[in-house]
N, C-alpha and C. Protein backbone atom coordinates (compact mmCIF):
# COMPACT_ATOMS: atom_id res chain seq x y z
N UNK A 1 -5.92 8.87 -20.49
CA UNK A 1 -5.30 9.29 -19.65
C UNK A 1 -5.75 9.46 -18.15
N UNK A 2 -4.95 9.55 -17.37
CA UNK A 2 -5.25 9.73 -16.10
C UNK A 2 -6.00 10.81 -15.61
N UNK A 3 -7.02 10.46 -14.75
CA UNK A 3 -8.00 11.58 -14.52
C UNK A 3 -7.43 12.93 -14.08
N UNK A 4 -7.98 14.13 -14.46
CA UNK A 4 -7.66 15.23 -14.25
C UNK A 4 -7.68 15.70 -12.76
N UNK A 5 -8.13 14.95 -12.09
CA UNK A 5 -8.41 15.54 -10.29
C UNK A 5 -7.11 15.28 -9.69
N UNK A 6 -7.14 16.13 -8.79
CA UNK A 6 -5.86 16.32 -8.00
C UNK A 6 -6.19 16.18 -6.42
N UNK A 7 -5.32 15.77 -5.76
CA UNK A 7 -5.45 15.67 -4.06
C UNK A 7 -4.72 16.89 -3.69
N UNK A 8 -5.20 17.86 -3.60
CA UNK A 8 -4.79 19.18 -3.00
C UNK A 8 -4.69 18.87 -1.66
N UNK A 9 -5.71 18.26 -1.09
CA UNK A 9 -5.74 17.98 0.46
C UNK A 9 -4.78 17.20 0.91
N UNK A 10 -3.96 16.48 -0.02
CA UNK A 10 -3.06 15.61 0.58
C UNK A 10 -1.74 16.30 0.56
N UNK A 11 -1.54 17.16 -0.41
CA UNK A 11 -0.22 18.03 -0.63
C UNK A 11 0.17 18.40 0.67
N UNK A 12 1.36 18.35 1.19
CA UNK A 12 1.95 18.89 2.26
C UNK A 12 1.75 17.81 3.43
N UNK A 13 0.86 16.95 3.44
CA UNK A 13 0.86 15.99 4.80
C UNK A 13 1.84 14.97 4.52
N UNK A 14 2.66 14.65 5.52
CA UNK A 14 3.71 13.63 5.48
C UNK A 14 4.75 14.34 4.70
N UNK A 15 6.15 13.94 4.91
CA UNK A 15 7.16 14.29 4.38
C UNK A 15 7.47 13.66 2.93
N UNK A 16 8.29 14.10 2.34
CA UNK A 16 8.81 13.24 1.01
C UNK A 16 10.15 13.60 0.49
N UNK A 17 10.74 12.61 0.34
CA UNK A 17 12.22 12.73 -0.19
C UNK A 17 11.84 13.10 -1.54
N UNK A 18 10.92 13.11 -2.26
CA UNK A 18 10.51 13.58 -3.48
C UNK A 18 9.81 14.79 -3.53
N UNK A 19 9.52 15.42 -2.44
CA UNK A 19 8.68 16.47 -2.53
C UNK A 19 7.26 15.93 -2.12
N UNK A 20 6.18 16.87 -1.98
CA UNK A 20 4.90 16.54 -1.73
C UNK A 20 3.86 16.90 -2.78
N UNK A 21 4.26 16.63 -4.31
CA UNK A 21 3.49 16.94 -5.15
C UNK A 21 2.17 16.08 -5.17
N UNK A 22 0.96 16.60 -5.84
CA UNK A 22 -0.36 16.16 -5.51
C UNK A 22 -0.36 14.90 -6.43
N UNK A 23 -1.04 13.83 -6.11
CA UNK A 23 -1.21 12.69 -6.84
C UNK A 23 -2.38 12.69 -7.94
N UNK A 24 -2.36 12.26 -8.94
CA UNK A 24 -3.47 12.28 -10.00
C UNK A 24 -4.44 11.16 -9.54
N UNK A 25 -5.63 11.21 -9.64
CA UNK A 25 -6.61 10.34 -9.21
C UNK A 25 -6.89 9.41 -10.60
N UNK A 26 -6.97 7.92 -10.39
CA UNK A 26 -6.90 7.26 -11.36
C UNK A 26 -8.14 6.42 -10.99
N UNK A 27 -9.24 6.66 -12.10
CA UNK A 27 -10.39 5.88 -12.14
C UNK A 27 -10.46 4.35 -12.27
N UNK A 28 -11.22 3.61 -11.56
CA UNK A 28 -11.12 2.15 -11.68
C UNK A 28 -11.33 1.68 -13.18
N UNK A 29 -12.16 2.76 -13.96
CA UNK A 29 -12.08 2.21 -15.46
C UNK A 29 -10.75 2.48 -16.13
N UNK A 30 -10.05 3.38 -15.68
CA UNK A 30 -8.59 3.65 -16.14
C UNK A 30 -7.67 2.43 -15.85
N UNK A 31 -7.79 2.21 -14.43
CA UNK A 31 -6.85 1.15 -14.04
C UNK A 31 -7.37 -0.16 -14.86
N UNK A 32 -8.72 -0.63 -15.08
CA UNK A 32 -8.76 -1.64 -15.76
C UNK A 32 -8.50 -1.78 -17.28
N UNK A 33 -8.46 -0.32 -17.89
CA UNK A 33 -7.75 -0.51 -19.16
C UNK A 33 -6.23 -0.74 -19.23
N UNK A 34 -5.58 -0.68 -18.18
CA UNK A 34 -4.16 -0.88 -18.15
C UNK A 34 -3.83 -2.36 -17.57
N UNK A 35 -4.72 -3.18 -18.00
CA UNK A 35 -4.31 -4.75 -17.72
C UNK A 35 -3.53 -5.16 -18.71
N UNK A 36 -2.76 -6.33 -18.52
CA UNK A 36 -1.77 -6.94 -19.42
C UNK A 36 -2.46 -7.06 -20.96
N UNK A 37 -1.84 -6.51 -21.92
CA UNK A 37 -2.16 -6.65 -23.33
C UNK A 37 -3.20 -5.77 -23.80
N UNK A 38 -3.87 -4.83 -22.99
CA UNK A 38 -5.08 -3.96 -23.22
C UNK A 38 -4.35 -2.74 -23.82
N UNK A 39 -3.68 -1.86 -23.05
CA UNK A 39 -3.05 -0.59 -23.32
C UNK A 39 -1.70 -0.57 -23.75
N UNK A 40 -1.03 -2.01 -23.54
CA UNK A 40 0.42 -1.89 -24.09
C UNK A 40 1.30 -1.71 -22.62
N UNK A 41 0.47 -1.71 -21.37
CA UNK A 41 1.33 -1.45 -20.16
C UNK A 41 0.40 -2.23 -19.38
N UNK A 42 1.12 -2.29 -17.99
CA UNK A 42 0.38 -3.09 -16.97
C UNK A 42 0.31 -2.17 -15.50
N UNK A 43 -0.87 -2.12 -15.07
CA UNK A 43 -1.00 -1.06 -13.71
C UNK A 43 -1.79 -2.05 -12.79
N UNK A 44 -1.38 -1.71 -11.44
CA UNK A 44 -2.09 -2.40 -10.49
C UNK A 44 -2.23 -1.26 -9.40
N UNK A 45 -3.39 -1.67 -8.39
CA UNK A 45 -3.33 -0.79 -7.33
C UNK A 45 -3.01 -1.61 -5.92
N UNK A 46 -2.18 -1.15 -5.07
CA UNK A 46 -1.98 -1.59 -3.85
C UNK A 46 -2.22 -0.68 -2.90
N UNK A 47 -2.84 -0.87 -1.88
CA UNK A 47 -3.19 0.09 -0.62
C UNK A 47 -3.77 1.54 -1.22
N UNK A 48 -4.56 1.50 -2.36
CA UNK A 48 -5.23 2.66 -2.78
C UNK A 48 -4.37 3.44 -3.84
N UNK A 49 -3.15 2.95 -3.91
CA UNK A 49 -2.20 3.70 -4.95
C UNK A 49 -2.07 2.88 -6.22
N UNK A 50 -1.94 3.57 -7.32
CA UNK A 50 -2.01 2.88 -8.77
C UNK A 50 -0.30 2.96 -9.23
N UNK A 51 -0.11 1.77 -9.42
CA UNK A 51 1.40 1.62 -9.99
C UNK A 51 1.60 1.06 -11.48
N UNK A 52 2.56 1.57 -12.23
CA UNK A 52 2.68 1.05 -13.34
C UNK A 52 3.92 0.08 -13.30
N UNK A 53 3.58 -1.35 -13.51
CA UNK A 53 4.61 -2.34 -13.20
C UNK A 53 5.17 -2.84 -14.47
N UNK A 54 5.10 -2.36 -15.77
CA UNK A 54 5.16 -2.83 -16.99
C UNK A 54 6.71 -3.20 -16.92
N UNK A 55 7.58 -2.20 -16.66
CA UNK A 55 8.95 -2.51 -16.83
C UNK A 55 9.47 -3.52 -15.76
N UNK A 56 8.76 -3.67 -14.74
CA UNK A 56 9.37 -4.69 -13.76
C UNK A 56 8.84 -6.05 -14.14
N UNK A 57 7.90 -6.11 -15.14
CA UNK A 57 7.32 -7.61 -15.44
C UNK A 57 8.36 -8.61 -15.59
N UNK A 58 9.50 -8.39 -16.51
CA UNK A 58 10.52 -9.35 -16.83
C UNK A 58 11.52 -9.57 -15.65
N UNK A 59 11.53 -8.95 -14.68
CA UNK A 59 12.42 -9.06 -13.65
C UNK A 59 11.77 -9.71 -12.40
N UNK A 60 10.33 -9.54 -12.33
CA UNK A 60 9.67 -10.20 -11.07
C UNK A 60 10.32 -11.67 -11.01
N UNK A 61 10.63 -11.95 -9.68
CA UNK A 61 11.31 -13.23 -9.14
C UNK A 61 10.45 -14.34 -9.61
N UNK A 62 9.06 -14.32 -9.49
CA UNK A 62 8.33 -15.38 -9.49
C UNK A 62 7.75 -15.38 -11.05
N UNK A 63 8.03 -14.37 -11.82
CA UNK A 63 7.78 -14.34 -13.25
C UNK A 63 6.77 -13.12 -13.47
N UNK A 64 6.93 -12.61 -14.57
CA UNK A 64 5.91 -11.64 -14.99
C UNK A 64 4.52 -12.09 -15.07
N UNK A 65 4.27 -13.35 -15.54
CA UNK A 65 3.08 -13.65 -15.63
C UNK A 65 2.04 -13.55 -14.35
N UNK A 66 2.66 -13.59 -13.25
CA UNK A 66 1.82 -13.62 -12.13
C UNK A 66 1.43 -12.49 -11.83
N UNK A 67 2.02 -11.33 -12.27
CA UNK A 67 1.52 -9.75 -12.31
C UNK A 67 0.67 -9.43 -13.40
N UNK A 68 0.89 -10.19 -14.61
CA UNK A 68 -0.16 -9.88 -15.66
C UNK A 68 -1.49 -10.59 -15.48
N UNK A 69 -1.60 -11.60 -14.89
CA UNK A 69 -2.98 -12.07 -14.62
C UNK A 69 -3.89 -11.07 -13.70
N UNK A 70 -3.30 -10.43 -12.93
CA UNK A 70 -3.97 -9.44 -11.91
C UNK A 70 -3.71 -8.21 -12.33
N UNK A 71 -3.18 -7.79 -13.36
CA UNK A 71 -3.21 -6.37 -13.91
C UNK A 71 -4.42 -5.79 -14.18
N UNK A 72 -4.60 -4.55 -13.77
CA UNK A 72 -5.79 -3.59 -14.22
C UNK A 72 -6.83 -3.72 -12.82
N UNK A 73 -6.11 -4.12 -11.79
CA UNK A 73 -7.15 -4.13 -10.60
C UNK A 73 -6.44 -4.28 -9.40
N UNK A 74 -7.18 -3.89 -8.21
CA UNK A 74 -6.49 -3.95 -7.03
C UNK A 74 -6.01 -5.16 -6.40
N UNK A 75 -4.55 -5.12 -6.34
CA UNK A 75 -3.79 -6.62 -5.99
C UNK A 75 -3.49 -6.43 -4.44
N UNK A 76 -3.96 -5.59 -3.50
CA UNK A 76 -3.60 -5.45 -2.09
C UNK A 76 -3.36 -6.91 -1.46
N UNK A 77 -4.53 -7.56 -1.51
CA UNK A 77 -4.48 -8.94 -0.90
C UNK A 77 -3.51 -9.90 -1.26
N UNK A 78 -3.34 -10.00 -2.54
CA UNK A 78 -2.38 -10.76 -3.29
C UNK A 78 -0.94 -10.41 -2.97
N UNK A 79 -0.77 -9.01 -3.00
CA UNK A 79 0.55 -8.51 -2.88
C UNK A 79 1.05 -8.88 -1.23
N UNK A 80 0.17 -8.42 -0.54
CA UNK A 80 0.52 -8.59 1.21
C UNK A 80 0.55 -10.19 1.59
N UNK A 81 -0.25 -10.97 0.76
CA UNK A 81 -0.14 -12.40 1.05
C UNK A 81 1.23 -13.20 0.79
N UNK A 82 1.94 -12.42 -0.46
CA UNK A 82 3.13 -12.95 -0.68
C UNK A 82 4.21 -12.38 -0.01
N UNK A 83 3.97 -11.78 1.01
CA UNK A 83 5.15 -11.37 1.89
C UNK A 83 6.25 -10.62 1.52
N UNK A 84 5.80 -9.71 0.70
CA UNK A 84 6.97 -8.86 0.06
C UNK A 84 7.98 -8.17 0.94
N UNK A 85 9.27 -8.24 0.67
CA UNK A 85 10.34 -7.59 1.59
C UNK A 85 10.31 -5.92 1.53
N UNK A 86 10.87 -5.69 2.40
CA UNK A 86 11.10 -3.91 2.38
C UNK A 86 11.80 -3.53 0.90
N UNK A 87 12.79 -4.40 0.46
CA UNK A 87 13.25 -4.05 -0.74
C UNK A 87 12.55 -3.97 -1.97
N UNK A 88 11.76 -5.03 -1.94
CA UNK A 88 10.80 -5.08 -3.12
C UNK A 88 9.78 -4.10 -3.15
N UNK A 89 9.53 -3.42 -2.02
CA UNK A 89 8.49 -2.31 -1.89
C UNK A 89 8.98 -1.07 -2.48
N UNK A 90 10.55 -1.12 -2.68
CA UNK A 90 11.41 0.10 -3.18
C UNK A 90 11.76 -0.16 -4.29
N UNK A 91 11.28 -1.08 -5.22
CA UNK A 91 11.77 -1.46 -6.58
C UNK A 91 11.40 -0.37 -7.52
N UNK A 92 12.72 0.13 -8.12
CA UNK A 92 12.66 1.43 -8.85
C UNK A 92 11.73 1.24 -10.22
N UNK A 93 11.79 0.20 -10.77
CA UNK A 93 10.94 -0.04 -12.08
C UNK A 93 9.54 -0.17 -11.83
N UNK A 94 9.03 0.14 -10.60
CA UNK A 94 7.66 0.09 -10.30
C UNK A 94 7.18 1.89 -10.13
N UNK A 95 6.40 2.22 -11.11
CA UNK A 95 6.37 3.78 -11.06
C UNK A 95 4.74 4.21 -10.72
N UNK A 96 4.78 4.92 -9.30
CA UNK A 96 3.52 5.44 -8.93
C UNK A 96 2.78 6.33 -9.91
N UNK A 97 1.56 5.91 -10.40
CA UNK A 97 0.98 6.81 -11.26
C UNK A 97 -0.15 7.54 -10.45
N UNK A 98 -0.71 7.35 -9.30
CA UNK A 98 -1.67 8.17 -8.61
C UNK A 98 -2.38 7.31 -7.56
N UNK A 99 -3.56 7.95 -7.17
CA UNK A 99 -4.24 7.31 -6.08
C UNK A 99 -5.65 6.85 -7.12
N UNK A 100 -5.99 5.60 -6.50
CA UNK A 100 -7.34 5.21 -7.16
C UNK A 100 -8.37 5.84 -6.69
N UNK A 101 -9.41 6.54 -7.71
CA UNK A 101 -10.39 6.84 -7.22
C UNK A 101 -11.44 6.50 -5.91
N UNK A 102 -11.62 7.00 -5.07
CA UNK A 102 -12.53 6.44 -3.73
C UNK A 102 -11.48 5.99 -2.58
N UNK A 103 -10.19 6.00 -3.00
CA UNK A 103 -9.21 5.87 -1.89
C UNK A 103 -8.47 6.81 -1.56
N UNK A 104 -8.90 8.14 -1.53
CA UNK A 104 -8.25 9.19 -1.02
C UNK A 104 -7.94 9.33 0.37
N UNK A 105 -9.05 8.92 1.12
CA UNK A 105 -9.01 8.81 2.50
C UNK A 105 -7.93 7.91 2.85
N UNK A 106 -7.90 6.85 2.47
CA UNK A 106 -6.92 5.68 2.69
C UNK A 106 -5.56 6.25 2.59
N UNK A 107 -5.29 6.65 1.45
CA UNK A 107 -3.86 7.26 1.11
C UNK A 107 -3.57 8.63 1.94
N UNK A 108 -4.65 9.27 2.18
CA UNK A 108 -4.39 10.45 3.24
C UNK A 108 -4.00 9.83 4.72
N UNK A 109 -4.62 8.76 5.11
CA UNK A 109 -4.17 8.22 6.03
C UNK A 109 -2.89 7.63 6.24
N UNK A 110 -2.54 6.76 5.14
CA UNK A 110 -1.02 6.29 5.05
C UNK A 110 -0.26 7.42 5.16
N UNK A 111 -0.47 8.66 4.79
CA UNK A 111 0.38 9.83 4.74
C UNK A 111 0.51 10.08 6.09
N UNK A 112 -0.54 10.24 6.72
CA UNK A 112 -0.71 10.74 8.17
C UNK A 112 0.19 9.86 9.18
N UNK A 113 0.29 8.72 8.68
CA UNK A 113 1.03 7.83 9.51
C UNK A 113 2.55 7.55 9.08
N UNK A 114 2.90 8.39 8.21
CA UNK A 114 4.45 8.44 7.94
C UNK A 114 4.93 7.83 6.63
N UNK A 115 3.96 7.49 5.68
CA UNK A 115 4.12 6.88 4.10
C UNK A 115 4.30 8.21 3.47
N UNK A 116 5.23 8.14 2.62
CA UNK A 116 5.31 9.04 1.27
C UNK A 116 6.02 8.39 0.23
N UNK A 117 5.73 8.87 -0.81
CA UNK A 117 6.33 8.25 -2.27
C UNK A 117 7.70 7.78 -2.19
N UNK A 118 8.51 8.31 -1.65
CA UNK A 118 10.04 7.68 -1.32
C UNK A 118 10.13 6.56 -0.62
N UNK A 119 8.90 5.94 0.06
CA UNK A 119 9.14 4.75 0.79
C UNK A 119 8.63 3.53 0.03
N UNK A 120 8.19 4.02 -1.31
CA UNK A 120 7.62 2.84 -2.19
C UNK A 120 6.33 2.55 -1.76
N UNK A 121 6.11 1.19 -2.12
CA UNK A 121 4.72 0.70 -1.87
C UNK A 121 4.61 0.60 -0.27
N UNK A 122 3.39 1.27 0.42
CA UNK A 122 3.26 1.26 1.62
C UNK A 122 3.26 -0.22 2.30
N UNK A 123 3.67 -0.13 3.54
CA UNK A 123 3.39 -1.19 4.39
C UNK A 123 2.75 -1.04 5.55
N UNK A 124 1.33 -1.14 5.67
CA UNK A 124 0.57 -0.36 6.84
C UNK A 124 1.02 -0.77 8.05
N UNK A 125 1.19 -2.34 8.23
CA UNK A 125 1.81 -3.03 9.57
C UNK A 125 3.07 -2.18 10.03
N UNK A 126 3.85 -1.61 9.30
CA UNK A 126 5.11 -0.94 9.67
C UNK A 126 4.98 0.53 10.08
N UNK A 127 3.84 1.22 9.67
CA UNK A 127 3.82 2.66 9.92
C UNK A 127 3.01 2.87 11.26
N UNK A 128 3.06 4.40 11.62
CA UNK A 128 2.41 4.69 12.97
C UNK A 128 0.96 4.22 12.94
N UNK A 129 0.62 4.01 14.14
CA UNK A 129 -0.82 3.78 14.58
C UNK A 129 -1.35 5.13 13.96
N UNK A 130 -2.76 5.03 13.55
CA UNK A 130 -3.52 6.19 13.21
C UNK A 130 -3.74 7.04 14.43
N UNK A 131 -3.12 8.46 14.40
CA UNK A 131 -3.28 9.40 15.26
C UNK A 131 -1.98 9.67 16.03
N UNK A 132 -1.09 8.64 15.72
CA UNK A 132 0.32 8.65 16.60
C UNK A 132 1.31 9.55 15.67
N UNK A 133 1.06 9.85 14.64
CA UNK A 133 1.73 10.63 13.74
C UNK A 133 2.29 11.88 14.52
N UNK A 134 1.36 12.59 15.14
CA UNK A 134 1.83 13.93 15.89
C UNK A 134 2.61 13.51 16.93
N UNK A 135 3.00 12.37 17.47
CA UNK A 135 3.81 11.92 18.54
C UNK A 135 5.47 12.20 17.90
N UNK A 136 5.44 11.81 16.51
CA UNK A 136 6.81 11.87 15.93
C UNK A 136 7.51 10.43 16.07
N UNK A 137 8.52 10.03 15.27
CA UNK A 137 9.29 9.15 15.17
C UNK A 137 8.38 7.68 14.68
N UNK A 138 9.14 6.82 14.66
CA UNK A 138 8.83 5.48 14.21
C UNK A 138 7.81 4.82 15.12
N UNK A 139 7.04 4.07 14.80
CA UNK A 139 6.20 3.13 15.73
C UNK A 139 7.19 2.07 16.42
N UNK A 140 7.03 1.89 17.57
CA UNK A 140 7.94 0.85 18.30
C UNK A 140 7.13 -0.39 19.06
N UNK A 141 5.86 0.13 19.26
CA UNK A 141 4.98 -0.65 20.03
C UNK A 141 4.78 -1.87 19.52
N UNK A 142 4.39 -2.97 20.24
CA UNK A 142 3.91 -4.32 19.38
C UNK A 142 2.86 -4.07 18.54
N UNK A 143 1.92 -3.45 18.97
CA UNK A 143 0.51 -3.41 18.04
C UNK A 143 0.83 -2.82 16.53
N UNK A 144 2.06 -2.06 16.57
CA UNK A 144 2.43 -1.54 15.18
C UNK A 144 3.38 -2.33 14.29
N UNK A 145 3.82 -3.55 14.72
CA UNK A 145 4.71 -4.10 14.27
C UNK A 145 4.02 -5.20 13.31
N UNK A 146 2.91 -5.39 13.33
CA UNK A 146 2.35 -6.71 12.55
C UNK A 146 1.73 -7.71 13.39
N UNK A 147 1.19 -8.94 12.76
CA UNK A 147 0.63 -9.86 13.53
C UNK A 147 1.77 -10.79 14.11
N UNK A 148 2.93 -10.85 13.86
CA UNK A 148 4.30 -11.84 14.27
C UNK A 148 4.13 -11.73 15.88
N UNK A 149 4.09 -10.47 16.32
CA UNK A 149 4.33 -10.45 17.77
C UNK A 149 3.22 -10.91 18.80
N UNK A 150 2.00 -11.16 18.05
CA UNK A 150 0.84 -11.56 18.56
C UNK A 150 0.81 -12.79 18.78
N UNK A 151 1.68 -13.87 18.27
CA UNK A 151 1.93 -15.21 18.13
C UNK A 151 2.27 -15.57 19.55
N UNK A 152 3.20 -14.99 20.19
CA UNK A 152 3.63 -15.40 21.64
C UNK A 152 2.43 -15.46 22.68
N UNK A 153 1.71 -14.30 22.62
CA UNK A 153 0.68 -14.36 23.79
C UNK A 153 -0.40 -15.48 23.49
N UNK A 154 -0.81 -15.82 22.03
CA UNK A 154 -1.67 -16.83 21.95
C UNK A 154 -1.01 -18.02 22.13
N UNK A 155 0.13 -18.51 22.08
CA UNK A 155 0.83 -19.76 22.42
C UNK A 155 0.78 -19.66 24.13
N UNK A 156 1.22 -18.84 24.68
CA UNK A 156 1.38 -18.83 26.03
C UNK A 156 -0.14 -18.79 26.84
N UNK A 157 -1.13 -18.08 26.40
CA UNK A 157 -2.16 -18.15 27.18
C UNK A 157 -3.25 -19.03 26.47
N UNK A 158 -2.87 -19.43 25.08
CA UNK A 158 -3.79 -20.27 24.44
C UNK A 158 -4.87 -19.61 23.54
N UNK A 159 -5.40 -19.93 22.52
CA UNK A 159 -6.55 -19.46 21.73
C UNK A 159 -7.81 -18.94 22.34
N UNK A 160 -8.07 -19.75 23.37
CA UNK A 160 -9.39 -19.42 23.92
C UNK A 160 -9.46 -18.25 24.77
N UNK A 161 -8.10 -17.73 24.99
CA UNK A 161 -8.01 -16.41 25.78
C UNK A 161 -7.85 -15.29 24.95
N UNK A 162 -7.53 -15.62 23.73
CA UNK A 162 -7.03 -14.67 22.66
C UNK A 162 -8.39 -13.69 22.28
N UNK A 163 -8.17 -12.50 22.20
CA UNK A 163 -9.45 -12.00 21.88
C UNK A 163 -9.20 -11.24 20.54
N UNK A 164 -10.25 -11.08 19.58
CA UNK A 164 -10.01 -10.43 18.52
C UNK A 164 -9.89 -8.87 18.86
N UNK A 165 -10.28 -8.47 19.79
CA UNK A 165 -10.01 -6.89 20.20
C UNK A 165 -8.45 -6.56 20.56
N UNK A 166 -7.71 -7.84 20.64
CA UNK A 166 -6.16 -7.53 20.72
C UNK A 166 -5.64 -6.97 19.50
N UNK A 167 -6.29 -7.44 18.39
CA UNK A 167 -6.05 -7.02 17.03
C UNK A 167 -6.37 -5.62 16.38
N UNK A 168 -7.30 -5.19 17.31
CA UNK A 168 -8.18 -3.93 16.79
C UNK A 168 -7.29 -2.76 16.37
N UNK A 169 -6.01 -2.78 17.04
CA UNK A 169 -5.21 -1.20 17.14
C UNK A 169 -4.59 -1.60 15.81
N UNK A 170 -4.23 -2.69 15.16
CA UNK A 170 -3.51 -3.01 14.03
C UNK A 170 -4.08 -2.17 12.75
N UNK A 171 -3.30 -1.50 12.18
CA UNK A 171 -3.76 -0.65 10.91
C UNK A 171 -3.63 -1.07 9.69
N UNK A 172 -3.49 -2.85 9.61
CA UNK A 172 -3.36 -3.19 8.20
C UNK A 172 -4.82 -3.39 7.60
N UNK A 173 -4.94 -3.01 6.41
CA UNK A 173 -6.40 -3.42 5.76
C UNK A 173 -6.04 -3.65 4.57
N UNK A 174 -6.58 -4.89 4.03
CA UNK A 174 -6.50 -5.57 2.70
C UNK A 174 -7.43 -5.21 1.88
N UNK A 175 -8.52 -4.77 2.25
CA UNK A 175 -9.73 -4.71 1.58
C UNK A 175 -9.50 -3.52 0.50
N UNK A 176 -10.43 -3.52 -0.52
CA UNK A 176 -10.49 -2.46 -1.53
C UNK A 176 -10.96 -1.21 -0.62
N UNK A 177 -10.88 0.02 -1.24
CA UNK A 177 -11.35 1.26 -0.75
C UNK A 177 -12.96 1.27 -0.77
């Protein structure tokens, strides 16, 4: 069963179409037990959030086996590399189970930047910049829209003039918590 811990500090931060109920804390061991074929279901972690993807396996456009082989672990990098659409992030057959233990701060940051359960799997590149949530509204600056808008300056001024510090404000994090 999911760990008994709750994220009381996260309740109420950010709005939610489904309310702001606390999320259960899922341990890494619990997540591992839910890899395909082990517990009869398949869970994955994406951006610190744990999802039950069992009902979605037969409907995945690339085949359920793509998810089965990575079940029971953090798949943030694989998920983002596949360039999932906004619609795929809202897939109703993917059910949020909780937050991966140790990722509480990451999820709190996602909420502070405008993510909530009703928005599906988070897309950090599309959320408000850290600290900008208090300004309200959606992020519209180039630094919050993802890497695509940085391609033009690189092509115009050349890679030798492009600095990694230009990407520093991007809120995208693909590593585990």
